[in-house]
């Protein structure tokens, strides 16, 4: 399982652990990922995603999973999230016409 957010594509970063004597050692800064069940209003079902806590705040701010996915760039989304976005777009177009 990769350590990458499915909505924001946030992944591990590399930096230094600095000791008191200023010796620098390589380390990894991992994103704060959570397994979350989100509800899609358009699809009428729940979806399990591995998401960073920062993405959770963004989803809440934009008004839910559907609104977030419709506005998100396709390059940032994981294949599962991209498929969800396509399904939501398809359903909203069918409901509009």
PDB file of N, CA and C in Angstrom:
ATOM      1  N   UNK A   1       0.836  -1.169   0.000  1.00  0.00           N
ATOM      2  CA  UNK A   1       0.000   0.000   0.000  1.00  0.00           C
ATOM      3  C   UNK A   1       0.889   1.244   0.000  1.00  0.00           C
ATOM      4  N   UNK A   2       0.679   2.116  -0.973  1.00  0.00           N
ATOM      5  CA  UNK A   2       1.533   3.302  -1.072  1.00  0.00           C
ATOM      6  C   UNK A   2       1.126   4.345  -0.032  1.00  0.00           C
ATOM      7  N   UNK A   3       2.089   5.138   0.380  1.00  0.00           N
ATOM      8  CA  UNK A   3       1.834   6.200   1.350  1.00  0.00           C
ATOM      9  C   UNK A   3       1.537   7.488   0.586  1.00  0.00           C
ATOM     10  N   UNK A   4       0.427   7.484  -0.125  1.00  0.00           N
ATOM     11  CA  UNK A   4       0.038   8.630  -0.937  1.00  0.00           C
ATOM     12  C   UNK A   4      -1.460   8.864  -0.772  1.00  0.00           C
ATOM     13  N   UNK A   5      -1.836  10.117  -0.616  1.00  0.00           N
ATOM     14  CA  UNK A   5      -3.242  10.486  -0.477  1.00  0.00           C
ATOM     15  C   UNK A   5      -3.944  10.269  -1.821  1.00  0.00           C
ATOM     16  N   UNK A   6      -5.146   9.699  -1.783  1.00  0.00           N
ATOM     17  CA  UNK A   6      -5.867   9.413  -3.019  1.00  0.00           C
ATOM     18  C   UNK A   6      -6.529  10.648  -3.630  1.00  0.00           C
ATOM     19  N   UNK A   7      -6.677  11.714  -2.856  1.00  0.00           N
ATOM     20  CA  UNK A   7      -7.338  12.914  -3.368  1.00  0.00           C
ATOM     21  C   UNK A   7      -6.373  14.042  -3.704  1.00  0.00           C
ATOM     22  N   UNK A   8      -5.306  14.210  -2.907  1.00  0.00           N
ATOM     23  CA  UNK A   8      -4.396  15.334  -3.127  1.00  0.00           C
ATOM     24  C   UNK A   8      -3.042  14.903  -3.675  1.00  0.00           C
ATOM     25  N   UNK A   9      -2.776  13.618  -3.765  1.00  0.00           N
ATOM     26  CA  UNK A   9      -1.502  13.050  -4.239  1.00  0.00           C
ATOM     27  C   UNK A   9      -0.337  13.456  -3.344  1.00  0.00           C
ATOM     28  N   UNK A  10      -0.635  13.762  -2.093  1.00  0.00           N
ATOM     29  CA  UNK A  10       0.403  14.119  -1.128  1.00  0.00           C
ATOM     30  C   UNK A  10       1.143  12.847  -0.738  1.00  0.00           C
ATOM     31  N   UNK A  11       2.488  12.874  -0.786  1.00  0.00           N
ATOM     32  CA  UNK A  11       3.301  11.699  -0.491  1.00  0.00           C
ATOM     33  C   UNK A  11       4.417  12.026   0.480  1.00  0.00           C
ATOM     34  N   UNK A  12       5.329  11.082   0.708  1.00  0.00           N
ATOM     35  CA  UNK A  12       6.423  11.328   1.637  1.00  0.00           C
ATOM     36  C   UNK A  12       7.405  12.368   1.103  1.00  0.00           C
ATOM     37  N   UNK A  13       7.993  13.123   2.029  1.00  0.00           N
ATOM     38  CA  UNK A  13       9.029  14.086   1.692  1.00  0.00           C
ATOM     39  C   UNK A  13      10.311  13.670   2.400  1.00  0.00           C
ATOM     40  N   UNK A  14      11.446  14.119   1.889  1.00  0.00           N
ATOM     41  CA  UNK A  14      12.743  13.773   2.459  1.00  0.00           C
ATOM     42  C   UNK A  14      13.348  15.017   3.084  1.00  0.00           C
ATOM     43  N   UNK A  15      13.980  14.818   4.239  1.00  0.00           N
ATOM     44  CA  UNK A  15      14.625  15.933   4.916  1.00  0.00           C
ATOM     45  C   UNK A  15      15.718  15.428   5.828  1.00  0.00           C
ATOM     46  N   UNK A  16      16.125  16.257   6.779  1.00  0.00           N
ATOM     47  CA  UNK A  16      17.182  15.895   7.708  1.00  0.00           C
ATOM     48  C   UNK A  16      16.666  15.890   9.136  1.00  0.00           C
ATOM     49  N   UNK A  17      17.150  14.905   9.896  1.00  0.00           N
ATOM     50  CA  UNK A  17      16.993  14.940  11.338  1.00  0.00           C
ATOM     51  C   UNK A  17      18.270  15.593  11.844  1.00  0.00           C
ATOM     52  N   UNK A  18      18.140  16.673  12.589  1.00  0.00           N
ATOM     53  CA  UNK A  18      19.309  17.426  13.035  1.00  0.00           C
ATOM     54  C   UNK A  18      19.494  17.217  14.531  1.00  0.00           C
ATOM     55  N   UNK A  19      20.659  16.702  14.918  1.00  0.00           N
ATOM     56  CA  UNK A  19      20.947  16.444  16.327  1.00  0.00           C
ATOM     57  C   UNK A  19      21.373  17.734  17.031  1.00  0.00           C
ATOM     58  N   UNK A  20      21.547  17.631  18.313  1.00  0.00           N
ATOM     59  CA  UNK A  20      21.988  18.787  19.107  1.00  0.00           C
ATOM     60  C   UNK A  20      23.360  19.281  18.632  1.00  0.00           C
ATOM     61  N   UNK A  21      24.214  18.337  18.209  1.00  0.00           N
ATOM     62  CA  UNK A  21      25.543  18.713  17.721  1.00  0.00           C
ATOM     63  C   UNK A  21      25.534  19.054  16.224  1.00  0.00           C
ATOM     64  N   UNK A  22      24.323  19.237  15.667  1.00  0.00           N
ATOM     65  CA  UNK A  22      24.118  19.670  14.277  1.00  0.00           C
ATOM     66  C   UNK A  22      24.543  18.617  13.254  1.00  0.00           C
ATOM     67  N   UNK A  23      24.524  17.328  13.614  1.00  0.00           N
ATOM     68  CA  UNK A  23      24.775  16.255  12.657  1.00  0.00           C
ATOM     69  C   UNK A  23      23.459  15.969  11.934  1.00  0.00           C
ATOM     70  N   UNK A  24      23.536  15.967  10.597  1.00  0.00           N
ATOM     71  CA  UNK A  24      22.325  15.782   9.804  1.00  0.00           C
ATOM     72  C   UNK A  24      22.239  14.345   9.298  1.00  0.00           C
ATOM     73  N   UNK A  25      21.086  13.728   9.553  1.00  0.00           N
ATOM     74  CA  UNK A  25      20.816  12.363   9.125  1.00  0.00           C
ATOM     75  C   UNK A  25      19.540  12.377   8.286  1.00  0.00           C
ATOM     76  N   UNK A  26      19.556  11.639   7.168  1.00  0.00           N
ATOM     77  CA  UNK A  26      18.377  11.599   6.294  1.00  0.00           C
ATOM     78  C   UNK A  26      17.189  10.988   7.038  1.00  0.00           C
ATOM     79  N   UNK A  27      15.998  11.527   6.773  1.00  0.00           N
ATOM     80  CA  UNK A  27      14.768  10.959   7.309  1.00  0.00           C
ATOM     81  C   UNK A  27      13.623  11.251   6.357  1.00  0.00           C
ATOM     82  N   UNK A  28      12.503  10.577   6.586  1.00  0.00           N
ATOM     83  CA  UNK A  28      11.321  10.768   5.749  1.00  0.00           C
ATOM     84  C   UNK A  28      10.204  11.395   6.564  1.00  0.00           C
ATOM     85  N   UNK A  29       9.533  12.368   5.974  1.00  0.00           N
ATOM     86  CA  UNK A  29       8.353  12.958   6.581  1.00  0.00           C
ATOM     87  C   UNK A  29       7.147  12.339   5.877  1.00  0.00           C
ATOM     88  N   UNK A  30       6.383  11.505   6.587  1.00  0.00           N
ATOM     89  CA  UNK A  30       5.253  10.803   5.992  1.00  0.00           C
ATOM     90  C   UNK A  30       3.970  11.616   6.165  1.00  0.00           C
ATOM     91  N   UNK A  31       3.077  11.566   5.174  1.00  0.00           N
ATOM     92  CA  UNK A  31       1.811  12.298   5.309  1.00  0.00           C
ATOM     93  C   UNK A  31       0.914  11.609   6.338  1.00  0.00           C
ATOM     94  N   UNK A  32       0.052  12.380   6.954  1.00  0.00           N
ATOM     95  CA  UNK A  32      -0.871  11.868   7.965  1.00  0.00           C
ATOM     96  C   UNK A  32      -2.082  11.271   7.252  1.00  0.00           C
ATOM     97  N   UNK A  33      -2.041   9.968   6.970  1.00  0.00           N
ATOM     98  CA  UNK A  33      -3.092   9.303   6.197  1.00  0.00           C
ATOM     99  C   UNK A  33      -4.078   8.579   7.106  1.00  0.00           C
ATOM    100  N   UNK A  34      -5.356   8.610   6.721  1.00  0.00           N
ATOM    101  CA  UNK A  34      -6.420   7.939   7.460  1.00  0.00           C
ATOM    102  C   UNK A  34      -7.270   7.143   6.469  1.00  0.00           C
ATOM    103  N   UNK A  35      -7.738   5.991   6.902  1.00  0.00           N
ATOM    104  CA  UNK A  35      -8.723   5.247   6.120  1.00  0.00           C
ATOM    105  C   UNK A  35     -10.091   5.810   6.478  1.00  0.00           C
ATOM    106  N   UNK A  36     -10.777   6.388   5.485  1.00  0.00           N
ATOM    107  CA  UNK A  36     -12.009   7.108   5.747  1.00  0.00           C
ATOM    108  C   UNK A  36     -13.112   6.590   4.829  1.00  0.00           C
ATOM    109  N   UNK A  37     -14.330   6.494   5.377  1.00  0.00           N
ATOM    110  CA  UNK A  37     -15.498   6.175   4.567  1.00  0.00           C
ATOM    111  C   UNK A  37     -16.262   7.468   4.328  1.00  0.00           C
ATOM    112  N   UNK A  38     -16.359   7.863   3.062  1.00  0.00           N
ATOM    113  CA  UNK A  38     -17.069   9.094   2.699  1.00  0.00           C
ATOM    114  C   UNK A  38     -18.325   8.724   1.933  1.00  0.00           C
ATOM    115  N   UNK A  39     -19.319   9.594   2.021  1.00  0.00           N
ATOM    116  CA  UNK A  39     -20.596   9.339   1.360  1.00  0.00           C
ATOM    117  C   UNK A  39     -20.720  10.244   0.139  1.00  0.00           C
ATOM    118  N   UNK A  40     -21.034   9.631  -0.996  1.00  0.00           N
ATOM    119  CA  UNK A  40     -21.288  10.380  -2.214  1.00  0.00           C
ATOM    120  C   UNK A  40     -22.793  10.576  -2.345  1.00  0.00           C
ATOM    121  N   UNK A  41     -23.242  11.828  -2.348  1.00  0.00           N
ATOM    122  CA  UNK A  41     -24.670  12.123  -2.439  1.00  0.00           C
ATOM    123  C   UNK A  41     -25.214  11.795  -3.825  1.00  0.00           C
ATOM    124  N   UNK A  42     -24.424  12.067  -4.862  1.00  0.00           N
ATOM    125  CA  UNK A  42     -24.877  11.843  -6.235  1.00  0.00           C
ATOM    126  C   UNK A  42     -25.008  10.348  -6.522  1.00  0.00           C
ATOM    127  N   UNK A  43     -23.997   9.577  -6.112  1.00  0.00           N
ATOM    128  CA  UNK A  43     -24.022   8.134  -6.375  1.00  0.00           C
ATOM    129  C   UNK A  43     -24.897   7.385  -5.377  1.00  0.00           C
ATOM    130  N   UNK A  44     -25.124   7.980  -4.204  1.00  0.00           N
ATOM    131  CA  UNK A  44     -25.968   7.345  -3.189  1.00  0.00           C
ATOM    132  C   UNK A  44     -25.315   6.159  -2.517  1.00  0.00           C
ATOM    133  N   UNK A  45     -24.000   6.209  -2.353  1.00  0.00           N
ATOM    134  CA  UNK A  45     -23.297   5.115  -1.684  1.00  0.00           C
ATOM    135  C   UNK A  45     -22.064   5.652  -0.972  1.00  0.00           C
ATOM    136  N   UNK A  46     -21.513   4.808  -0.113  1.00  0.00           N
ATOM    137  CA  UNK A  46     -20.308   5.203   0.611  1.00  0.00           C
ATOM    138  C   UNK A  46     -19.069   4.663  -0.099  1.00  0.00           C
ATOM    139  N   UNK A  47     -17.963   5.362   0.094  1.00  0.00           N
ATOM    140  CA  UNK A  47     -16.712   5.034  -0.583  1.00  0.00           C
ATOM    141  C   UNK A  47     -15.589   5.052   0.443  1.00  0.00           C
ATOM    142  N   UNK A  48     -14.735   4.016   0.443  1.00  0.00           N
ATOM    143  CA  UNK A  48     -13.587   3.980   1.340  1.00  0.00           C
ATOM    144  C   UNK A  48     -12.362   4.489   0.602  1.00  0.00           C
ATOM    145  N   UNK A  49     -11.692   5.475   1.201  1.00  0.00           N
ATOM    146  CA  UNK A  49     -10.502   6.061   0.600  1.00  0.00           C
ATOM    147  C   UNK A  49      -9.415   6.211   1.651  1.00  0.00           C
ATOM    148  N   UNK A  50      -8.157   6.241   1.210  1.00  0.00           N
ATOM    149  CA  UNK A  50      -7.026   6.516   2.089  1.00  0.00           C
ATOM    150  C   UNK A  50      -6.614   7.960   1.815  1.00  0.00           C
ATOM    151  N   UNK A  51      -6.922   8.834   2.783  1.00  0.00           N
ATOM    152  CA  UNK A  51      -6.854  10.265   2.558  1.00  0.00           C
ATOM    153  C   UNK A  51      -6.038  10.935   3.658  1.00  0.00           C
ATOM    154  N   UNK A  52      -5.337  12.009   3.303  1.00  0.00           N
ATOM    155  CA  UNK A  52      -4.621  12.790   4.313  1.00  0.00           C
ATOM    156  C   UNK A  52      -5.629  13.643   5.091  1.00  0.00           C
ATOM    157  N   UNK A  53      -5.255  14.016   6.306  1.00  0.00           N
ATOM    158  CA  UNK A  53      -6.150  14.828   7.121  1.00  0.00           C
ATOM    159  C   UNK A  53      -6.332  16.208   6.499  1.00  0.00           C
ATOM    160  N   UNK A  54      -5.331  16.687   5.782  1.00  0.00           N
ATOM    161  CA  UNK A  54      -5.450  17.952   5.075  1.00  0.00           C
ATOM    162  C   UNK A  54      -6.538  17.856   3.994  1.00  0.00           C
ATOM    163  N   UNK A  55      -6.616  16.728   3.297  1.00  0.00           N
ATOM    164  CA  UNK A  55      -7.638  16.531   2.265  1.00  0.00           C
ATOM    165  C   UNK A  55      -9.026  16.456   2.891  1.00  0.00           C
ATOM    166  N   UNK A  56      -9.133  15.887   4.093  1.00  0.00           N
ATOM    167  CA  UNK A  56     -10.422  15.825   4.786  1.00  0.00           C
ATOM    168  C   UNK A  56     -10.961  17.234   5.034  1.00  0.00           C
ATOM    169  N   UNK A  57     -10.074  18.137   5.466  1.00  0.00           N
ATOM    170  CA  UNK A  57     -10.479  19.528   5.685  1.00  0.00           C
ATOM    171  C   UNK A  57     -10.909  20.176   4.373  1.00  0.00           C
ATOM    172  N   UNK A  58     -10.197  19.866   3.296  1.00  0.00           N
ATOM    173  CA  UNK A  58     -10.517  20.450   1.989  1.00  0.00           C
ATOM    174  C   UNK A  58     -11.861  19.948   1.477  1.00  0.00           C
ATOM    175  N   UNK A  59     -12.127  18.660   1.669  1.00  0.00           N
ATOM    176  CA  UNK A  59     -13.406  18.075   1.238  1.00  0.00           C
ATOM    177  C   UNK A  59     -14.547  18.729   2.010  1.00  0.00           C
ATOM    178  N   UNK A  60     -14.374  18.904   3.307  1.00  0.00           N
ATOM    179  CA  UNK A  60     -15.390  19.526   4.147  1.00  0.00           C
ATOM    180  C   UNK A  60     -15.606  20.980   3.731  1.00  0.00           C
ATOM    181  N   UNK A  61     -14.527  21.689   3.415  1.00  0.00           N
ATOM    182  CA  UNK A  61     -14.601  23.093   3.033  1.00  0.00           C
ATOM    183  C   UNK A  61     -15.337  23.283   1.704  1.00  0.00           C
ATOM    184  N   UNK A  62     -15.124  22.371   0.770  1.00  0.00           N
ATOM    185  CA  UNK A  62     -15.747  22.495  -0.561  1.00  0.00           C
ATOM    186  C   UNK A  62     -17.181  22.002  -0.596  1.00  0.00           C
ATOM    187  N   UNK A  63     -17.652  21.383   0.497  1.00  0.00           N
ATOM    188  CA  UNK A  63     -19.059  20.980   0.533  1.00  0.00           C
ATOM    189  C   UNK A  63     -19.310  19.524   0.217  1.00  0.00           C
ATOM    190  N   UNK A  64     -18.363  18.661   0.485  1.00  0.00           N
ATOM    191  CA  UNK A  64     -18.582  17.230   0.306  1.00  0.00           C
ATOM    192  C   UNK A  64     -17.689  16.616  -0.756  1.00  0.00           C
ATOM    193  N   UNK A  65     -17.735  15.294  -0.804  1.00  0.00           N
ATOM    194  CA  UNK A  65     -16.875  14.533  -1.714  1.00  0.00           C
ATOM    195  C   UNK A  65     -17.175  14.845  -3.177  1.00  0.00           C
ATOM    196  N   UNK A  66     -18.456  14.928  -3.518  1.00  0.00           N
ATOM    197  CA  UNK A  66     -18.832  15.153  -4.921  1.00  0.00           C
ATOM    198  C   UNK A  66     -18.316  16.498  -5.431  1.00  0.00           C
ATOM    199  N   UNK A  67     -18.510  17.541  -4.651  1.00  0.00           N
ATOM    200  CA  UNK A  67     -18.054  18.877  -5.058  1.00  0.00           C
ATOM    201  C   UNK A  67     -16.532  18.921  -5.152  1.00  0.00           C
ATOM    202  N   UNK A  68     -15.856  18.239  -4.222  1.00  0.00           N
ATOM    203  CA  UNK A  68     -14.391  18.224  -4.242  1.00  0.00           C
ATOM    204  C   UNK A  68     -13.876  17.523  -5.499  1.00  0.00           C
ATOM    205  N   UNK A  69     -14.438  16.359  -5.808  1.00  0.00           N
ATOM    206  CA  UNK A  69     -13.962  15.590  -6.967  1.00  0.00           C
ATOM    207  C   UNK A  69     -14.247  16.308  -8.282  1.00  0.00           C
ATOM    208  N   UNK A  70     -15.388  16.978  -8.384  1.00  0.00           N
ATOM    209  CA  UNK A  70     -15.716  17.681  -9.622  1.00  0.00           C
ATOM    210  C   UNK A  70     -14.755  18.836  -9.882  1.00  0.00           C
ATOM    211  N   UNK A  71     -14.224  19.437  -8.808  1.00  0.00           N
ATOM    212  CA  UNK A  71     -13.328  20.573  -8.960  1.00  0.00           C
ATOM    213  C   UNK A  71     -11.856  20.166  -9.032  1.00  0.00           C
ATOM    214  N   UNK A  72     -11.525  18.942  -8.608  1.00  0.00           N
ATOM    215  CA  UNK A  72     -10.126  18.499  -8.521  1.00  0.00           C
ATOM    216  C   UNK A  72      -9.545  18.209  -9.904  1.00  0.00           C
ATOM    217  N   UNK A  73      -8.221  18.387 -10.015  1.00  0.00           N
ATOM    218  CA  UNK A  73      -7.512  18.073 -11.250  1.00  0.00           C
ATOM    219  C   UNK A  73      -7.357  16.561 -11.376  1.00  0.00           C
ATOM    220  N   UNK A  74      -7.446  16.065 -12.586  1.00  0.00           N
ATOM    221  CA  UNK A  74      -7.341  14.627 -12.829  1.00  0.00           C
ATOM    222  C   UNK A  74      -5.935  14.108 -12.531  1.00  0.00           C
ATOM    223  N   UNK A  75      -4.920  14.966 -12.649  1.00  0.00           N
ATOM    224  CA  UNK A  75      -3.539  14.537 -12.408  1.00  0.00           C
ATOM    225  C   UNK A  75      -3.274  14.275 -10.933  1.00  0.00           C
ATOM    226  N   UNK A  76      -4.022  14.931 -10.033  1.00  0.00           N
ATOM    227  CA  UNK A  76      -3.819  14.754  -8.597  1.00  0.00           C
ATOM    228  C   UNK A  76      -4.522  13.518  -8.045  1.00  0.00           C
ATOM    229  N   UNK A  77      -5.538  13.045  -8.737  1.00  0.00           N
ATOM    230  CA  UNK A  77      -6.358  11.959  -8.203  1.00  0.00           C
ATOM    231  C   UNK A  77      -5.765  10.586  -8.506  1.00  0.00           C
ATOM    232  N   UNK A  78      -6.044   9.629  -7.597  1.00  0.00           N
ATOM    233  CA  UNK A  78      -5.636   8.248  -7.815  1.00  0.00           C
ATOM    234  C   UNK A  78      -6.583   7.623  -8.840  1.00  0.00           C
ATOM    235  N   UNK A  79      -6.241   6.454  -9.384  1.00  0.00           N
ATOM    236  CA  UNK A  79      -7.139   5.815 -10.364  1.00  0.00           C
ATOM    237  C   UNK A  79      -8.548   5.554  -9.808  1.00  0.00           C
ATOM    238  N   UNK A  80      -8.639   5.159  -8.529  1.00  0.00           N
ATOM    239  CA  UNK A  80      -9.960   4.915  -7.910  1.00  0.00           C
ATOM    240  C   UNK A  80     -10.757   6.209  -7.816  1.00  0.00           C
ATOM    241  N   UNK A  81     -10.104   7.275  -7.378  1.00  0.00           N
ATOM    242  CA  UNK A  81     -10.779   8.565  -7.244  1.00  0.00           C
ATOM    243  C   UNK A  81     -11.159   9.127  -8.614  1.00  0.00           C
ATOM    244  N   UNK A  82     -10.332   8.893  -9.604  1.00  0.00           N
ATOM    245  CA  UNK A  82     -10.624   9.350 -10.968  1.00  0.00           C
ATOM    246  C   UNK A  82     -11.862   8.633 -11.521  1.00  0.00           C
ATOM    247  N   UNK A  83     -11.972   7.356 -11.241  1.00  0.00           N
ATOM    248  CA  UNK A  83     -13.151   6.585 -11.663  1.00  0.00           C
ATOM    249  C   UNK A  83     -14.407   7.113 -10.965  1.00  0.00           C
ATOM    250  N   UNK A  84     -14.284   7.441  -9.681  1.00  0.00           N
ATOM    251  CA  UNK A  84     -15.408   8.039  -8.944  1.00  0.00           C
ATOM    252  C   UNK A  84     -15.823   9.365  -9.575  1.00  0.00           C
ATOM    253  N   UNK A  85     -14.839  10.172  -9.932  1.00  0.00           N
ATOM    254  CA  UNK A  85     -15.115  11.471 -10.556  1.00  0.00           C
ATOM    255  C   UNK A  85     -15.881  11.283 -11.859  1.00  0.00           C
ATOM    256  N   UNK A  86     -15.460  10.330 -12.662  1.00  0.00           N
ATOM    257  CA  UNK A  86     -16.149  10.060 -13.942  1.00  0.00           C
ATOM    258  C   UNK A  86     -17.590   9.618 -13.710  1.00  0.00           C
ATOM    259  N   UNK A  87     -17.808   8.748 -12.705  1.00  0.00           N
ATOM    260  CA  UNK A  87     -19.164   8.289 -12.398  1.00  0.00           C
ATOM    261  C   UNK A  87     -20.049   9.441 -11.942  1.00  0.00           C
ATOM    262  N   UNK A  88     -19.489  10.328 -11.111  1.00  0.00           N
ATOM    263  CA  UNK A  88     -20.251  11.478 -10.602  1.00  0.00           C
ATOM    264  C   UNK A  88     -20.595  12.423 -11.745  1.00  0.00           C
ATOM    265  N   UNK A  89     -19.621  12.704 -12.637  1.00  0.00           N
ATOM    266  CA  UNK A  89     -19.871  13.568 -13.784  1.00  0.00           C
ATOM    267  C   UNK A  89     -20.956  12.984 -14.673  1.00  0.00           C
ATOM    268  N   UNK A  90     -20.910  11.688 -14.895  1.00  0.00           N
ATOM    269  CA  UNK A  90     -21.887  11.006 -15.747  1.00  0.00           C
ATOM    270  C   UNK A  90     -23.297  11.106 -15.145  1.00  0.00           C
ATOM    271  N   UNK A  91     -23.383  10.889 -13.820  1.00  0.00           N
ATOM    272  CA  UNK A  91     -24.681  10.944 -13.137  1.00  0.00           C
ATOM    273  C   UNK A  91     -25.240  12.365 -13.138  1.00  0.00           C
ATOM    274  N   UNK A  92     -24.378  13.367 -12.916  1.00  0.00           N
ATOM    275  CA  UNK A  92     -24.877  14.748 -12.873  1.00  0.00           C
ATOM    276  C   UNK A  92     -25.325  15.219 -14.257  1.00  0.00           C
ATOM    277  N   UNK A  93     -24.622  14.790 -15.305  1.00  0.00           N
ATOM    278  CA  UNK A  93     -25.047  15.146 -16.665  1.00  0.00           C
ATOM    279  C   UNK A  93     -26.380  14.480 -17.015  1.00  0.00           C
ATOM    280  N   UNK A  94     -26.550  13.236 -16.575  1.00  0.00           N
ATOM    281  CA  UNK A  94     -27.808  12.519 -16.847  1.00  0.00           C
ATOM    282  C   UNK A  94     -28.956  13.157 -16.084  1.00  0.00           C
ATOM    283  N   UNK A  95     -28.695  13.621 -14.869  1.00  0.00           N
ATOM    284  CA  UNK A  95     -29.747  14.246 -14.068  1.00  0.00           C
ATOM    285  C   UNK A  95     -30.096  15.636 -14.602  1.00  0.00           C
ATOM    286  N   UNK A  96     -29.123  16.330 -15.179  1.00  0.00           N
ATOM    287  CA  UNK A  96     -29.353  17.686 -15.689  1.00  0.00           C
ATOM    288  C   UNK A  96     -30.186  17.663 -16.969  1.00  0.00           C
ATOM    289  N   UNK A  97     -30.034  16.624 -17.769  1.00  0.00           N
ATOM    290  CA  UNK A  97     -30.757  16.592 -19.051  1.00  0.00           C
ATOM    291  C   UNK A  97     -32.074  15.862 -18.956  1.00  0.00           C
TER     292      UNK A  97
END
